[in-house]
Amino acid sequence: AEHAQNYTMHRGKNAWTGHGAIDIDDDLSAPTGYSVELCQDRCTQDSLCECVTLRPSDGKCWKRRMCEAAGWTSDSGFDVHMKQHGEQTIHWHPHTSSNSTKACMYELWEAVER
């Protein structure tokens, strides 16, 4: 079974080339009438896709890559849904991992966040 790809929703944000992302879709290739789930699935099926910009008013769904939240613009007409990476699903097993391992992993986490 495939693991479901999780997304983080950033309401009221827009991402495109020059604004915290690089376009995969342009206005012609991006479909309309998409639900959140369909739009996310469209990104999941494209390994280059890191986030999607969704316009809820008409369900227009643009795939984006190289997504960097710091560059996004604020726009109430759009939402960005960003893929969550596998690092966020680490589960600790206290009886098997020492504190030093944890400290090391937390440093990695911080590096990923930046």
PDB file of N, CA and C in Angstrom:
ATOM      1  N   ALA A   1       0.846  -1.197   0.000  1.00  0.00           N
ATOM      2  CA  ALA A   1       0.000   0.000   0.000  1.00  0.00           C
ATOM      3  C   ALA A   1       0.881   1.246   0.000  1.00  0.00           C
ATOM      4  N   GLU A   2       0.476   2.237  -0.765  1.00  0.00           N
ATOM      5  CA  GLU A   2       1.213   3.483  -0.784  1.00  0.00           C
ATOM      6  C   GLU A   2       0.855   4.297   0.450  1.00  0.00           C
ATOM      7  N   HIS A   3       1.856   4.999   0.956  1.00  0.00           N
ATOM      8  CA  HIS A   3       1.571   5.900   2.078  1.00  0.00           C
ATOM      9  C   HIS A   3       0.897   7.153   1.537  1.00  0.00           C
ATOM     10  N   ALA A   4      -0.135   7.568   2.207  1.00  0.00           N
ATOM     11  CA  ALA A   4      -0.814   8.801   1.795  1.00  0.00           C
ATOM     12  C   ALA A   4       0.142   9.972   1.975  1.00  0.00           C
ATOM     13  N   GLN A   5       0.137  10.855   0.987  1.00  0.00           N
ATOM     14  CA  GLN A   5       0.956  12.074   1.090  1.00  0.00           C
ATOM     15  C   GLN A   5       0.163  13.114   1.882  1.00  0.00           C
ATOM     16  N   ASN A   6       0.758  13.616   2.935  1.00  0.00           N
ATOM     17  CA  ASN A   6       0.105  14.652   3.723  1.00  0.00           C
ATOM     18  C   ASN A   6       0.514  16.034   3.235  1.00  0.00           C
ATOM     19  N   TYR A   7      -0.401  16.979   3.410  1.00  0.00           N
ATOM     20  CA  TYR A   7      -0.167  18.362   2.995  1.00  0.00           C
ATOM     21  C   TYR A   7      -0.442  19.302   4.162  1.00  0.00           C
ATOM     22  N   THR A   8       0.259  20.421   4.163  1.00  0.00           N
ATOM     23  CA  THR A   8      -0.023  21.499   5.101  1.00  0.00           C
ATOM     24  C   THR A   8      -0.664  22.633   4.322  1.00  0.00           C
ATOM     25  N   MET A   9      -1.811  23.093   4.817  1.00  0.00           N
ATOM     26  CA  MET A   9      -2.538  24.152   4.122  1.00  0.00           C
ATOM     27  C   MET A   9      -2.117  25.516   4.655  1.00  0.00           C
ATOM     28  N   HIS A  10      -1.843  26.432   3.722  1.00  0.00           N
ATOM     29  CA  HIS A  10      -1.511  27.809   4.078  1.00  0.00           C
ATOM     30  C   HIS A  10      -2.573  28.698   3.439  1.00  0.00           C
ATOM     31  N   ARG A  11      -3.571  29.041   4.247  1.00  0.00           N
ATOM     32  CA  ARG A  11      -4.724  29.787   3.737  1.00  0.00           C
ATOM     33  C   ARG A  11      -4.329  31.233   3.398  1.00  0.00           C
ATOM     34  N   GLY A  12      -4.861  31.728   2.284  1.00  0.00           N
ATOM     35  CA  GLY A  12      -4.619  33.116   1.919  1.00  0.00           C
ATOM     36  C   GLY A  12      -3.212  33.383   1.413  1.00  0.00           C
ATOM     37  N   LYS A  13      -2.565  32.337   0.842  1.00  0.00           N
ATOM     38  CA  LYS A  13      -1.212  32.497   0.300  1.00  0.00           C
ATOM     39  C   LYS A  13      -1.211  32.119  -1.185  1.00  0.00           C
ATOM     40  N   ASN A  14      -0.293  32.746  -1.919  1.00  0.00           N
ATOM     41  CA  ASN A  14      -0.147  32.472  -3.338  1.00  0.00           C
ATOM     42  C   ASN A  14       1.331  32.253  -3.638  1.00  0.00           C
ATOM     43  N   ALA A  15       1.631  31.220  -4.418  1.00  0.00           N
ATOM     44  CA  ALA A  15       3.011  30.874  -4.761  1.00  0.00           C
ATOM     45  C   ALA A  15       3.118  30.714  -6.269  1.00  0.00           C
ATOM     46  N   TRP A  16       4.100  31.407  -6.868  1.00  0.00           N
ATOM     47  CA  TRP A  16       4.381  31.204  -8.295  1.00  0.00           C
ATOM     48  C   TRP A  16       5.802  31.669  -8.567  1.00  0.00           C
ATOM     49  N   THR A  17       6.243  31.540  -9.803  1.00  0.00           N
ATOM     50  CA  THR A  17       7.624  31.871 -10.154  1.00  0.00           C
ATOM     51  C   THR A  17       7.961  33.291  -9.709  1.00  0.00           C
ATOM     52  N   GLY A  18       9.061  33.411  -8.972  1.00  0.00           N
ATOM     53  CA  GLY A  18       9.491  34.702  -8.451  1.00  0.00           C
ATOM     54  C   GLY A  18       8.896  35.011  -7.095  1.00  0.00           C
ATOM     55  N   HIS A  19       7.934  34.199  -6.676  1.00  0.00           N
ATOM     56  CA  HIS A  19       7.272  34.402  -5.385  1.00  0.00           C
ATOM     57  C   HIS A  19       7.235  33.081  -4.613  1.00  0.00           C
ATOM     58  N   GLY A  20       8.412  32.602  -4.258  1.00  0.00           N
ATOM     59  CA  GLY A  20       8.538  31.426  -3.401  1.00  0.00           C
ATOM     60  C   GLY A  20       8.231  30.107  -4.067  1.00  0.00           C
ATOM     61  N   ALA A  21       8.306  30.059  -5.406  1.00  0.00           N
ATOM     62  CA  ALA A  21       8.071  28.802  -6.114  1.00  0.00           C
ATOM     63  C   ALA A  21       8.509  28.941  -7.561  1.00  0.00           C
ATOM     64  N   ILE A  22       8.541  27.816  -8.266  1.00  0.00           N
ATOM     65  CA  ILE A  22       8.744  27.811  -9.713  1.00  0.00           C
ATOM     66  C   ILE A  22       7.548  27.101 -10.333  1.00  0.00           C
ATOM     67  N   ASP A  23       6.977  27.725 -11.352  1.00  0.00           N
ATOM     68  CA  ASP A  23       5.772  27.172 -11.971  1.00  0.00           C
ATOM     69  C   ASP A  23       6.052  25.825 -12.642  1.00  0.00           C
ATOM     70  N   ILE A  24       5.180  24.860 -12.413  1.00  0.00           N
ATOM     71  CA  ILE A  24       5.090  23.676 -13.273  1.00  0.00           C
ATOM     72  C   ILE A  24       3.935  23.926 -14.245  1.00  0.00           C
ATOM     73  N   ASP A  25       2.819  24.402 -13.702  1.00  0.00           N
ATOM     74  CA  ASP A  25       1.655  24.756 -14.512  1.00  0.00           C
ATOM     75  C   ASP A  25       1.665  26.233 -14.871  1.00  0.00           C
ATOM     76  N   ASP A  26       1.156  26.543 -16.064  1.00  0.00           N
ATOM     77  CA  ASP A  26       0.774  27.921 -16.358  1.00  0.00           C
ATOM     78  C   ASP A  26      -0.759  27.982 -16.342  1.00  0.00           C
ATOM     79  N   ASP A  27      -1.305  29.137 -16.662  1.00  0.00           N
ATOM     80  CA  ASP A  27      -2.763  29.294 -16.561  1.00  0.00           C
ATOM     81  C   ASP A  27      -3.504  28.385 -17.544  1.00  0.00           C
ATOM     82  N   LEU A  28      -2.852  27.999 -18.633  1.00  0.00           N
ATOM     83  CA  LEU A  28      -3.504  27.126 -19.606  1.00  0.00           C
ATOM     84  C   LEU A  28      -3.514  25.669 -19.157  1.00  0.00           C
ATOM     85  N   SER A  29      -2.394  25.228 -18.549  1.00  0.00           N
ATOM     86  CA  SER A  29      -2.295  23.809 -18.189  1.00  0.00           C
ATOM     87  C   SER A  29      -2.956  23.487 -16.855  1.00  0.00           C
ATOM     88  N   ALA A  30      -3.184  24.506 -16.034  1.00  0.00           N
ATOM     89  CA  ALA A  30      -3.793  24.260 -14.726  1.00  0.00           C
ATOM     90  C   ALA A  30      -5.298  24.017 -14.898  1.00  0.00           C
ATOM     91  N   PRO A  31      -5.801  22.889 -14.384  1.00  0.00           N
ATOM     92  CA  PRO A  31      -7.225  22.591 -14.524  1.00  0.00           C
ATOM     93  C   PRO A  31      -8.074  23.406 -13.557  1.00  0.00           C
ATOM     94  N   THR A  32      -9.349  23.523 -13.840  1.00  0.00           N
ATOM     95  CA  THR A  32     -10.293  24.145 -12.916  1.00  0.00           C
ATOM     96  C   THR A  32     -11.287  23.092 -12.447  1.00  0.00           C
ATOM     97  N   GLY A  33     -12.066  23.471 -11.423  1.00  0.00           N
ATOM     98  CA  GLY A  33     -13.084  22.565 -10.905  1.00  0.00           C
ATOM     99  C   GLY A  33     -12.531  21.523  -9.950  1.00  0.00           C
ATOM    100  N   TYR A  34     -11.336  21.759  -9.423  1.00  0.00           N
ATOM    101  CA  TYR A  34     -10.688  20.777  -8.550  1.00  0.00           C
ATOM    102  C   TYR A  34     -10.996  21.045  -7.084  1.00  0.00           C
ATOM    103  N   SER A  35     -11.299  19.968  -6.371  1.00  0.00           N
ATOM    104  CA  SER A  35     -11.416  20.044  -4.910  1.00  0.00           C
ATOM    105  C   SER A  35     -10.004  20.062  -4.317  1.00  0.00           C
ATOM    106  N   VAL A  36      -9.918  20.332  -3.032  1.00  0.00           N
ATOM    107  CA  VAL A  36      -8.632  20.279  -2.333  1.00  0.00           C
ATOM    108  C   VAL A  36      -7.984  18.914  -2.545  1.00  0.00           C
ATOM    109  N   GLU A  37      -8.774  17.854  -2.366  1.00  0.00           N
ATOM    110  CA  GLU A  37      -8.237  16.489  -2.465  1.00  0.00           C
ATOM    111  C   GLU A  37      -7.714  16.211  -3.867  1.00  0.00           C
ATOM    112  N   LEU A  38      -8.483  16.587  -4.888  1.00  0.00           N
ATOM    113  CA  LEU A  38      -8.055  16.342  -6.271  1.00  0.00           C
ATOM    114  C   LEU A  38      -6.788  17.119  -6.592  1.00  0.00           C
ATOM    115  N   CYS A  39      -6.727  18.354  -6.121  1.00  0.00           N
ATOM    116  CA  CYS A  39      -5.576  19.200  -6.391  1.00  0.00           C
ATOM    117  C   CYS A  39      -4.328  18.626  -5.718  1.00  0.00           C
ATOM    118  N   GLN A  40      -4.477  18.197  -4.470  1.00  0.00           N
ATOM    119  CA  GLN A  40      -3.351  17.585  -3.763  1.00  0.00           C
ATOM    120  C   GLN A  40      -2.912  16.308  -4.468  1.00  0.00           C
ATOM    121  N   ASP A  41      -3.872  15.488  -4.902  1.00  0.00           N
ATOM    122  CA  ASP A  41      -3.540  14.237  -5.589  1.00  0.00           C
ATOM    123  C   ASP A  41      -2.748  14.519  -6.860  1.00  0.00           C
ATOM    124  N   ARG A  42      -3.117  15.597  -7.533  1.00  0.00           N
ATOM    125  CA  ARG A  42      -2.434  15.972  -8.768  1.00  0.00           C
ATOM    126  C   ARG A  42      -0.959  16.261  -8.493  1.00  0.00           C
ATOM    127  N   CYS A  43      -0.686  16.880  -7.360  1.00  0.00           N
ATOM    128  CA  CYS A  43       0.688  17.168  -6.952  1.00  0.00           C
ATOM    129  C   CYS A  43       1.394  15.888  -6.515  1.00  0.00           C
ATOM    130  N   THR A  44       0.678  15.038  -5.785  1.00  0.00           N
ATOM    131  CA  THR A  44       1.258  13.793  -5.286  1.00  0.00           C
ATOM    132  C   THR A  44       1.766  12.938  -6.442  1.00  0.00           C
ATOM    133  N   GLN A  45       1.049  12.958  -7.558  1.00  0.00           N
ATOM    134  CA  GLN A  45       1.402  12.114  -8.699  1.00  0.00           C
ATOM    135  C   GLN A  45       2.589  12.658  -9.489  1.00  0.00           C
ATOM    136  N   ASP A  46       3.062  13.864  -9.159  1.00  0.00           N
ATOM    137  CA  ASP A  46       4.190  14.479  -9.853  1.00  0.00           C
ATOM    138  C   ASP A  46       5.336  14.643  -8.856  1.00  0.00           C
ATOM    139  N   SER A  47       6.412  13.900  -9.054  1.00  0.00           N
ATOM    140  CA  SER A  47       7.500  13.922  -8.071  1.00  0.00           C
ATOM    141  C   SER A  47       8.190  15.287  -8.000  1.00  0.00           C
ATOM    142  N   LEU A  48       8.098  16.082  -9.059  1.00  0.00           N
ATOM    143  CA  LEU A  48       8.686  17.421  -9.037  1.00  0.00           C
ATOM    144  C   LEU A  48       7.857  18.397  -8.220  1.00  0.00           C
ATOM    145  N   CYS A  49       6.558  18.111  -8.117  1.00  0.00           N
ATOM    146  CA  CYS A  49       5.633  19.034  -7.461  1.00  0.00           C
ATOM    147  C   CYS A  49       5.867  19.038  -5.954  1.00  0.00           C
ATOM    148  N   GLU A  50       6.037  20.228  -5.399  1.00  0.00           N
ATOM    149  CA  GLU A  50       6.228  20.358  -3.947  1.00  0.00           C
ATOM    150  C   GLU A  50       5.040  21.032  -3.273  1.00  0.00           C
ATOM    151  N   CYS A  51       4.309  21.851  -4.038  1.00  0.00           N
ATOM    152  CA  CYS A  51       3.117  22.476  -3.473  1.00  0.00           C
ATOM    153  C   CYS A  51       2.168  22.824  -4.612  1.00  0.00           C
ATOM    154  N   VAL A  52       0.946  23.099  -4.263  1.00  0.00           N
ATOM    155  CA  VAL A  52      -0.036  23.562  -5.240  1.00  0.00           C
ATOM    156  C   VAL A  52      -0.655  24.858  -4.741  1.00  0.00           C
ATOM    157  N   THR A  53      -0.940  25.743  -5.694  1.00  0.00           N
ATOM    158  CA  THR A  53      -1.751  26.913  -5.398  1.00  0.00           C
ATOM    159  C   THR A  53      -3.150  26.601  -5.891  1.00  0.00           C
ATOM    160  N   LEU A  54      -4.134  26.724  -5.004  1.00  0.00           N
ATOM    161  CA  LEU A  54      -5.528  26.429  -5.341  1.00  0.00           C
ATOM    162  C   LEU A  54      -6.366  27.695  -5.171  1.00  0.00           C
ATOM    163  N   ARG A  55      -7.144  27.994  -6.206  1.00  0.00           N
ATOM    164  CA  ARG A  55      -8.071  29.128  -6.127  1.00  0.00           C
ATOM    165  C   ARG A  55      -9.451  28.557  -5.820  1.00  0.00           C
ATOM    166  N   PRO A  56      -9.907  28.654  -4.568  1.00  0.00           N
ATOM    167  CA  PRO A  56     -11.157  27.996  -4.171  1.00  0.00           C
ATOM    168  C   PRO A  56     -12.377  28.466  -4.967  1.00  0.00           C
ATOM    169  N   SER A  57     -12.357  29.690  -5.471  1.00  0.00           N
ATOM    170  CA  SER A  57     -13.553  30.221  -6.140  1.00  0.00           C
ATOM    171  C   SER A  57     -13.943  29.381  -7.354  1.00  0.00           C
ATOM    172  N   ASP A  58     -12.945  28.869  -8.075  1.00  0.00           N
ATOM    173  CA  ASP A  58     -13.263  28.054  -9.253  1.00  0.00           C
ATOM    174  C   ASP A  58     -12.486  26.737  -9.294  1.00  0.00           C
ATOM    175  N   GLY A  59     -11.748  26.435  -8.221  1.00  0.00           N
ATOM    176  CA  GLY A  59     -11.042  25.161  -8.155  1.00  0.00           C
ATOM    177  C   GLY A  59      -9.876  25.068  -9.120  1.00  0.00           C
ATOM    178  N   LYS A  60      -9.280  26.196  -9.465  1.00  0.00           N
ATOM    179  CA  LYS A  60      -8.111  26.156 -10.355  1.00  0.00           C
ATOM    180  C   LYS A  60      -6.884  25.739  -9.553  1.00  0.00           C
ATOM    181  N   CYS A  61      -6.109  24.818 -10.128  1.00  0.00           N
ATOM    182  CA  CYS A  61      -5.060  24.112  -9.382  1.00  0.00           C
ATOM    183  C   CYS A  61      -3.742  24.171 -10.142  1.00  0.00           C
ATOM    184  N   TRP A  62      -2.792  24.960  -9.611  1.00  0.00           N
ATOM    185  CA  TRP A  62      -1.478  25.100 -10.239  1.00  0.00           C
ATOM    186  C   TRP A  62      -0.430  24.304  -9.462  1.00  0.00           C
ATOM    187  N   LYS A  63       0.325  23.468 -10.155  1.00  0.00           N
ATOM    188  CA  LYS A  63       1.434  22.748  -9.525  1.00  0.00           C
ATOM    189  C   LYS A  63       2.667  23.649  -9.502  1.00  0.00           C
ATOM    190  N   ARG A  64       3.409  23.554  -8.382  1.00  0.00           N
ATOM    191  CA  ARG A  64       4.610  24.365  -8.193  1.00  0.00           C
ATOM    192  C   ARG A  64       5.740  23.492  -7.651  1.00  0.00           C
ATOM    193  N   ARG A  65       6.973  23.909  -7.966  1.00  0.00           N
ATOM    194  CA  ARG A  65       8.127  23.230  -7.373  1.00  0.00           C
ATOM    195  C   ARG A  65       9.019  24.264  -6.688  1.00  0.00           C
ATOM    196  N   MET A  66      10.030  23.777  -5.965  1.00  0.00           N
ATOM    197  CA  MET A  66      10.960  24.648  -5.220  1.00  0.00           C
ATOM    198  C   MET A  66      10.182  25.630  -4.338  1.00  0.00           C
ATOM    199  N   CYS A  67       9.224  25.118  -3.597  1.00  0.00           N
ATOM    200  CA  CYS A  67       8.337  25.970  -2.801  1.00  0.00           C
ATOM    201  C   CYS A  67       9.034  26.429  -1.518  1.00  0.00           C
ATOM    202  N   GLU A  68       9.064  27.734  -1.319  1.00  0.00           N
ATOM    203  CA  GLU A  68       9.661  28.335  -0.124  1.00  0.00           C
ATOM    204  C   GLU A  68       8.653  29.308   0.472  1.00  0.00           C
ATOM    205  N   ALA A  69       8.094  28.944   1.615  1.00  0.00           N
ATOM    206  CA  ALA A  69       6.993  29.716   2.197  1.00  0.00           C
ATOM    207  C   ALA A  69       7.347  31.191   2.406  1.00  0.00           C
ATOM    208  N   ALA A  70       8.618  31.471   2.670  1.00  0.00           N
ATOM    209  CA  ALA A  70       9.022  32.855   2.957  1.00  0.00           C
ATOM    210  C   ALA A  70       8.789  33.781   1.765  1.00  0.00           C
ATOM    211  N   GLY A  71       8.725  33.220   0.570  1.00  0.00           N
ATOM    212  CA  GLY A  71       8.574  34.043  -0.615  1.00  0.00           C
ATOM    213  C   GLY A  71       7.147  34.242  -1.081  1.00  0.00           C
ATOM    214  N   TRP A  72       6.203  33.516  -0.465  1.00  0.00           N
ATOM    215  CA  TRP A  72       4.821  33.574  -0.928  1.00  0.00           C
ATOM    216  C   TRP A  72       4.189  34.932  -0.644  1.00  0.00           C
ATOM    217  N   THR A  73       3.212  35.299  -1.471  1.00  0.00           N
ATOM    218  CA  THR A  73       2.482  36.537  -1.233  1.00  0.00           C
ATOM    219  C   THR A  73       1.184  36.221  -0.488  1.00  0.00           C
ATOM    220  N   SER A  74       0.661  37.212   0.185  1.00  0.00           N
ATOM    221  CA  SER A  74      -0.625  37.065   0.868  1.00  0.00           C
ATOM    222  C   SER A  74      -1.730  37.512  -0.081  1.00  0.00           C
ATOM    223  N   ASP A  75      -2.690  36.611  -0.318  1.00  0.00           N
ATOM    224  CA  ASP A  75      -3.780  36.893  -1.249  1.00  0.00           C
ATOM    225  C   ASP A  75      -4.972  36.050  -0.832  1.00  0.00           C
ATOM    226  N   SER A  76      -6.040  36.721  -0.394  1.00  0.00           N
ATOM    227  CA  SER A  76      -7.173  36.007   0.194  1.00  0.00           C
ATOM    228  C   SER A  76      -7.862  35.072  -0.801  1.00  0.00           C
ATOM    229  N   GLY A  77      -7.604  35.257  -2.091  1.00  0.00           N
ATOM    230  CA  GLY A  77      -8.268  34.433  -3.098  1.00  0.00           C
ATOM    231  C   GLY A  77      -7.601  33.103  -3.366  1.00  0.00           C
ATOM    232  N   PHE A  78      -6.476  32.822  -2.702  1.00  0.00           N
ATOM    233  CA  PHE A  78      -5.704  31.620  -2.991  1.00  0.00           C
ATOM    234  C   PHE A  78      -5.269  30.925  -1.701  1.00  0.00           C
ATOM    235  N   ASP A  79      -5.052  29.620  -1.807  1.00  0.00           N
ATOM    236  CA  ASP A  79      -4.451  28.840  -0.720  1.00  0.00           C
ATOM    237  C   ASP A  79      -3.310  28.017  -1.302  1.00  0.00           C
ATOM    238  N   VAL A  80      -2.251  27.861  -0.516  1.00  0.00           N
ATOM    239  CA  VAL A  80      -1.159  26.977  -0.915  1.00  0.00           C
ATOM    240  C   VAL A  80      -1.203  25.722  -0.050  1.00  0.00           C
ATOM    241  N   HIS A  81      -1.114  24.583  -0.709  1.00  0.00           N
ATOM    242  CA  HIS A  81      -1.047  23.295  -0.019  1.00  0.00           C
ATOM    243  C   HIS A  81       0.333  22.717  -0.295  1.00  0.00           C
ATOM    244  N   MET A  82       1.123  22.524   0.766  1.00  0.00           N
ATOM    245  CA  MET A  82       2.509  22.104   0.605  1.00  0.00           C
ATOM    246  C   MET A  82       2.702  20.678   1.090  1.00  0.00           C
ATOM    247  N   LYS A  83       3.417  19.888   0.287  1.00  0.00           N
ATOM    248  CA  LYS A  83       3.714  18.510   0.679  1.00  0.00           C
ATOM    249  C   LYS A  83       4.487  18.506   1.988  1.00  0.00           C
ATOM    250  N   GLN A  84       4.109  17.590   2.853  1.00  0.00           N
ATOM    251  CA  GLN A  84       4.901  17.356   4.063  1.00  0.00           C
ATOM    252  C   GLN A  84       5.922  16.280   3.725  1.00  0.00           C
ATOM    253  N   HIS A  85       7.154  16.500   4.149  1.00  0.00           N
ATOM    254  CA  HIS A  85       8.206  15.544   3.830  1.00  0.00           C
ATOM    255  C   HIS A  85       8.280  14.446   4.876  1.00  0.00           C
ATOM    256  N   GLY A  86       8.843  13.338   4.498  1.00  0.00           N
ATOM    257  CA  GLY A  86       8.886  12.142   5.331  1.00  0.00           C
ATOM    258  C   GLY A  86       9.533  12.355   6.683  1.00  0.00           C
ATOM    259  N   GLU A  87      10.452  13.336   6.756  1.00  0.00           N
ATOM    260  CA  GLU A  87      11.152  13.555   8.025  1.00  0.00           C
ATOM    261  C   GLU A  87      10.180  13.867   9.157  1.00  0.00           C
ATOM    262  N   GLN A  88       9.001  14.356   8.785  1.00  0.00           N
ATOM    263  CA  GLN A  88       8.062  14.784   9.819  1.00  0.00           C
ATOM    264  C   GLN A  88       7.278  13.615  10.414  1.00  0.00           C
ATOM    265  N   THR A  89       7.521  12.408   9.883  1.00  0.00           N
ATOM    266  CA  THR A  89       6.757  11.266  10.395  1.00  0.00           C
ATOM    267  C   THR A  89       7.634  10.345  11.240  1.00  0.00           C
ATOM    268  N   ILE A  90       8.793  10.858  11.703  1.00  0.00           N
ATOM    269  CA  ILE A  90       9.660  10.055  12.575  1.00  0.00           C
ATOM    270  C   ILE A  90       8.948   9.807  13.903  1.00  0.00           C
ATOM    271  N   HIS A  91       8.961   8.550  14.336  1.00  0.00           N
ATOM    272  CA  HIS A  91       8.378   8.226  15.641  1.00  0.00           C
ATOM    273  C   HIS A  91       9.500   7.750  16.558  1.00  0.00           C
ATOM    274  N   TRP A  92       9.561   8.332  17.742  1.00  0.00           N
ATOM    275  CA  TRP A  92      10.611   7.951  18.683  1.00  0.00           C
ATOM    276  C   TRP A  92      10.250   6.648  19.372  1.00  0.00           C
ATOM    277  N   HIS A  93      11.247   5.817  19.554  1.00  0.00           N
ATOM    278  CA  HIS A  93      11.088   4.630  20.387  1.00  0.00           C
ATOM    279  C   HIS A  93      12.068   4.796  21.541  1.00  0.00           C
ATOM    280  N   PRO A  94      11.579   5.326  22.674  1.00  0.00           N
ATOM    281  CA  PRO A  94      12.483   5.731  23.759  1.00  0.00           C
ATOM    282  C   PRO A  94      13.408   4.608  24.211  1.00  0.00           C
ATOM    283  N   HIS A  95      12.958   3.359  24.129  1.00  0.00           N
ATOM    284  CA  HIS A  95      13.787   2.270  24.623  1.00  0.00           C
ATOM    285  C   HIS A  95      14.922   1.937  23.648  1.00  0.00           C
ATOM    286  N   THR A  96      14.848   2.446  22.400  1.00  0.00           N
ATOM    287  CA  THR A  96      15.902   2.109  21.439  1.00  0.00           C
ATOM    288  C   THR A  96      16.789   3.300  21.107  1.00  0.00           C
ATOM    289  N   SER A  97      16.331   4.523  21.343  1.00  0.00           N
ATOM    290  CA  SER A  97      17.153   5.670  20.938  1.00  0.00           C
ATOM    291  C   SER A  97      17.667   6.407  22.172  1.00  0.00           C
ATOM    292  N   SER A  98      18.939   6.695  22.153  1.00  0.00           N
ATOM    293  CA  SER A  98      19.547   7.412  23.276  1.00  0.00           C
ATOM    294  C   SER A  98      19.280   8.908  23.136  1.00  0.00           C
ATOM    295  N   ASN A  99      19.535   9.636  24.206  1.00  0.00           N
ATOM    296  CA  ASN A  99      19.342  11.083  24.163  1.00  0.00           C
ATOM    297  C   ASN A  99      20.251  11.745  23.126  1.00  0.00           C
ATOM    298  N   SER A 100      21.453  11.191  22.955  1.00  0.00           N
ATOM    299  CA  SER A 100      22.379  11.805  21.996  1.00  0.00           C
ATOM    300  C   SER A 100      21.811  11.684  20.583  1.00  0.00           C
ATOM    301  N   THR A 101      21.166  10.563  20.293  1.00  0.00           N
ATOM    302  CA  THR A 101      20.547  10.392  18.976  1.00  0.00           C
ATOM    303  C   THR A 101      19.452  11.428  18.793  1.00  0.00           C
ATOM    304  N   LYS A 102      18.637  11.618  19.819  1.00  0.00           N
ATOM    305  CA  LYS A 102      17.556  12.595  19.737  1.00  0.00           C
ATOM    306  C   LYS A 102      18.103  13.994  19.472  1.00  0.00           C
ATOM    307  N   ALA A 103      19.136  14.370  20.217  1.00  0.00           N
ATOM    308  CA  ALA A 103      19.703  15.706  20.065  1.00  0.00           C
ATOM    309  C   ALA A 103      20.176  15.905  18.627  1.00  0.00           C
ATOM    310  N   CYS A 104      20.805  14.893  18.075  1.00  0.00           N
ATOM    311  CA  CYS A 104      21.288  14.950  16.706  1.00  0.00           C
ATOM    312  C   CYS A 104      20.119  15.123  15.739  1.00  0.00           C
ATOM    313  N   MET A 105      19.053  14.365  15.952  1.00  0.00           N
ATOM    314  CA  MET A 105      17.913  14.438  15.053  1.00  0.00           C
ATOM    315  C   MET A 105      17.221  15.797  15.143  1.00  0.00           C
ATOM    316  N   TYR A 106      17.166  16.365  16.317  1.00  0.00           N
ATOM    317  CA  TYR A 106      16.534  17.674  16.445  1.00  0.00           C
ATOM    318  C   TYR A 106      17.317  18.726  15.676  1.00  0.00           C
ATOM    319  N   GLU A 107      18.640  18.591  15.663  1.00  0.00           N
ATOM    320  CA  GLU A 107      19.448  19.528  14.888  1.00  0.00           C
ATOM    321  C   GLU A 107      19.123  19.385  13.404  1.00  0.00           C
ATOM    322  N   LEU A 108      18.966  18.138  12.935  1.00  0.00           N
ATOM    323  CA  LEU A 108      18.587  17.895  11.543  1.00  0.00           C
ATOM    324  C   LEU A 108      17.249  18.538  11.244  1.00  0.00           C
ATOM    325  N   TRP A 109      16.315  18.374  12.166  1.00  0.00           N
ATOM    326  CA  TRP A 109      14.972  18.958  12.005  1.00  0.00           C
ATOM    327  C   TRP A 109      15.072  20.457  11.782  1.00  0.00           C
ATOM    328  N   GLU A 110      15.896  21.109  12.623  1.00  0.00           N
ATOM    329  CA  GLU A 110      16.033  22.559  12.515  1.00  0.00           C
ATOM    330  C   GLU A 110      16.622  22.931  11.153  1.00  0.00           C
ATOM    331  N   ALA A 111      17.563  22.118  10.674  1.00  0.00           N
ATOM    332  CA  ALA A 111      18.167  22.376   9.371  1.00  0.00           C
ATOM    333  C   ALA A 111      17.112  22.254   8.274  1.00  0.00           C
ATOM    334  N   VAL A 112      16.235  21.262   8.414  1.00  0.00           N
ATOM    335  CA  VAL A 112      15.167  21.058   7.430  1.00  0.00           C
ATOM    336  C   VAL A 112      14.200  22.243   7.452  1.00  0.00           C
ATOM    337  N   GLU A 113      13.924  22.764   8.632  1.00  0.00           N
ATOM    338  CA  GLU A 113      12.968  23.864   8.769  1.00  0.00           C
ATOM    339  C   GLU A 113      13.471  25.140   8.109  1.00  0.00           C
ATOM    340  N   ARG A 114      14.786  25.346   8.126  1.00  0.00           N
ATOM    341  CA  ARG A 114      15.346  26.600   7.596  1.00  0.00           C
ATOM    342  C   ARG A 114      15.230  26.680   6.086  1.00  0.00           C
TER     343      ARG A 114
END
